[in-house]
Amino acid sequence: MLVADGTVLKGRFTGVAALLYWLGCFGFTVMASLVAFIDLRAVRLETQKEHRALFESTLQKIEKEKRERTQKSNGHPSDSNQTE
């Protein structure tokens, strides 16, 4: 829009028309910035959810491996909830 005003539209807008043109340019810029910030927030929230899910699944995997190692070293059956 800036290039268009400096080349193709040069001298066509004066006074109120130029003011309206630049207000329109400003409005589009503000809207584009708002959309970018909304998208940034959505991506950040999605990344946080994925990070949390990965962290929790990793912890569960570690706990499972620890239980399996403990059961193997103690000679217990694979189901530690059974009572003998």
C-alpha atoms as a PDB file:
ATOM      1  CA  MET A   1       0.000   0.000   0.000  1.00  0.00           C
ATOM      2  CA  LEU A   2       2.911   2.279   0.735  1.00  0.00           C
ATOM      3  CA  VAL A   3       4.486   1.463  -2.625  1.00  0.00           C
ATOM      4  CA  ALA A   4       1.145   1.905  -4.383  1.00  0.00           C
ATOM      5  CA  ASP A   5       0.724   5.349  -2.828  1.00  0.00           C
ATOM      6  CA  GLY A   6       4.236   6.349  -3.878  1.00  0.00           C
ATOM      7  CA  THR A   7       3.909   5.101  -7.460  1.00  0.00           C
ATOM      8  CA  VAL A   8       0.548   4.213  -9.013  1.00  0.00           C
ATOM      9  CA  LEU A   9      -1.653   6.369  -6.799  1.00  0.00           C
ATOM     10  CA  LYS A  10       0.768   9.294  -6.527  1.00  0.00           C
ATOM     11  CA  GLY A  11      -1.175  12.549  -6.657  1.00  0.00           C
ATOM     12  CA  ARG A  12      -4.599  10.904  -6.983  1.00  0.00           C
ATOM     13  CA  PHE A  13      -5.560  11.224  -3.314  1.00  0.00           C
ATOM     14  CA  THR A  14      -5.616  14.601  -1.614  1.00  0.00           C
ATOM     15  CA  GLY A  15      -7.130  15.852   1.576  1.00  0.00           C
ATOM     16  CA  VAL A  16      -9.877  13.617   2.993  1.00  0.00           C
ATOM     17  CA  ALA A  17      -9.324  10.863   0.423  1.00  0.00           C
ATOM     18  CA  ALA A  18      -5.641  10.583   1.400  1.00  0.00           C
ATOM     19  CA  LEU A  19      -6.593  10.543   5.069  1.00  0.00           C
ATOM     20  CA  LEU A  20      -9.145   7.762   4.482  1.00  0.00           C
ATOM     21  CA  TYR A  21      -6.615   5.807   2.418  1.00  0.00           C
ATOM     22  CA  TRP A  22      -4.017   5.949   5.190  1.00  0.00           C
ATOM     23  CA  LEU A  23      -6.602   5.151   7.861  1.00  0.00           C
ATOM     24  CA  GLY A  24      -7.527   2.072   5.807  1.00  0.00           C
ATOM     25  CA  CYS A  25      -3.856   1.118   5.558  1.00  0.00           C
ATOM     26  CA  PHE A  26      -3.472   1.582   9.295  1.00  0.00           C
ATOM     27  CA  GLY A  27      -6.614  -0.476   9.951  1.00  0.00           C
ATOM     28  CA  PHE A  28      -5.360  -3.366   7.815  1.00  0.00           C
ATOM     29  CA  THR A  29      -1.999  -3.227   9.587  1.00  0.00           C
ATOM     30  CA  VAL A  30      -3.650  -3.344  12.998  1.00  0.00           C
ATOM     31  CA  MET A  31      -5.903  -6.238  11.959  1.00  0.00           C
ATOM     32  CA  ALA A  32      -2.942  -8.181  10.571  1.00  0.00           C
ATOM     33  CA  SER A  33      -1.024  -7.605  13.809  1.00  0.00           C
ATOM     34  CA  LEU A  34      -3.973  -8.781  15.908  1.00  0.00           C
ATOM     35  CA  VAL A  35      -4.356 -11.936  13.823  1.00  0.00           C
ATOM     36  CA  ALA A  36      -0.624 -12.580  14.194  1.00  0.00           C
ATOM     37  CA  PHE A  37      -0.793 -12.208  17.986  1.00  0.00           C
ATOM     38  CA  ILE A  38      -3.852 -14.459  18.208  1.00  0.00           C
ATOM     39  CA  ASP A  39      -2.061 -17.077  16.114  1.00  0.00           C
ATOM     40  CA  LEU A  40       1.057 -16.717  18.247  1.00  0.00           C
ATOM     41  CA  ARG A  41      -0.983 -17.337  21.394  1.00  0.00           C
ATOM     42  CA  ALA A  42      -2.694 -20.375  19.866  1.00  0.00           C
ATOM     43  CA  VAL A  43       0.631 -21.867  18.789  1.00  0.00           C
ATOM     44  CA  ARG A  44       2.121 -21.206  22.237  1.00  0.00           C
ATOM     45  CA  LEU A  45      -0.807 -22.893  24.000  1.00  0.00           C
ATOM     46  CA  GLU A  46      -0.629 -25.892  21.666  1.00  0.00           C
ATOM     47  CA  THR A  47       3.106 -26.175  22.260  1.00  0.00           C
ATOM     48  CA  GLN A  48       2.579 -26.061  26.023  1.00  0.00           C
ATOM     49  CA  LYS A  49      -0.040 -28.822  25.824  1.00  0.00           C
ATOM     50  CA  GLU A  50       2.239 -31.002  23.718  1.00  0.00           C
ATOM     51  CA  HIS A  51       5.166 -30.340  26.049  1.00  0.00           C
ATOM     52  CA  ARG A  52       3.074 -31.274  29.081  1.00  0.00           C
ATOM     53  CA  ALA A  53       1.798 -34.452  27.393  1.00  0.00           C
ATOM     54  CA  LEU A  54       5.326 -35.468  26.404  1.00  0.00           C
ATOM     55  CA  PHE A  55       6.576 -34.807  29.940  1.00  0.00           C
ATOM     56  CA  GLU A  56       3.783 -36.874  31.499  1.00  0.00           C
ATOM     57  CA  SER A  57       4.240 -39.772  29.076  1.00  0.00           C
ATOM     58  CA  THR A  58       7.990 -39.744  29.728  1.00  0.00           C
ATOM     59  CA  LEU A  59       7.400 -39.838  33.486  1.00  0.00           C
ATOM     60  CA  GLN A  60       4.979 -42.743  33.079  1.00  0.00           C
ATOM     61  CA  LYS A  61       7.494 -44.609  30.954  1.00  0.00           C
ATOM     62  CA  ILE A  62      10.233 -44.059  33.556  1.00  0.00           C
ATOM     63  CA  GLU A  63       7.944 -45.221  36.377  1.00  0.00           C
ATOM     64  CA  LYS A  64       6.983 -48.347  34.402  1.00  0.00           C
ATOM     65  CA  GLU A  65      10.623 -49.202  33.678  1.00  0.00           C
ATOM     66  CA  LYS A  66      11.522 -48.659  37.341  1.00  0.00           C
ATOM     67  CA  ARG A  67       8.712 -50.996  38.477  1.00  0.00           C
ATOM     68  CA  GLU A  68       9.817 -53.643  35.990  1.00  0.00           C
ATOM     69  CA  ARG A  69      13.441 -53.429  37.141  1.00  0.00           C
ATOM     70  CA  THR A  70      12.414 -53.574  40.791  1.00  0.00           C
ATOM     71  CA  GLN A  71      10.191 -56.594  40.165  1.00  0.00           C
ATOM     72  CA  LYS A  72      12.935 -58.419  38.261  1.00  0.00           C
ATOM     73  CA  SER A  73      15.535 -57.766  40.961  1.00  0.00           C
ATOM     74  CA  ASN A  74      13.158 -58.897  43.753  1.00  0.00           C
ATOM     75  CA  GLY A  75      12.025 -62.001  41.839  1.00  0.00           C
ATOM     76  CA  HIS A  76       8.358 -61.003  42.039  1.00  0.00           C
ATOM     77  CA  PRO A  77       5.833 -61.821  39.329  1.00  0.00           C
ATOM     78  CA  SER A  78       5.146 -59.127  36.765  1.00  0.00           C
ATOM     79  CA  ASP A  79       1.867 -58.146  38.490  1.00  0.00           C
ATOM     80  CA  SER A  80       2.897 -56.481  41.745  1.00  0.00           C
ATOM     81  CA  ASN A  81      -0.737 -56.045  42.863  1.00  0.00           C
ATOM     82  CA  GLN A  82      -1.179 -59.776  43.591  1.00  0.00           C
ATOM     83  CA  THR A  83      -0.984 -60.830  47.225  1.00  0.00           C
ATOM     84  CA  GLU A  84       0.916 -63.965  48.167  1.00  0.00           C
END
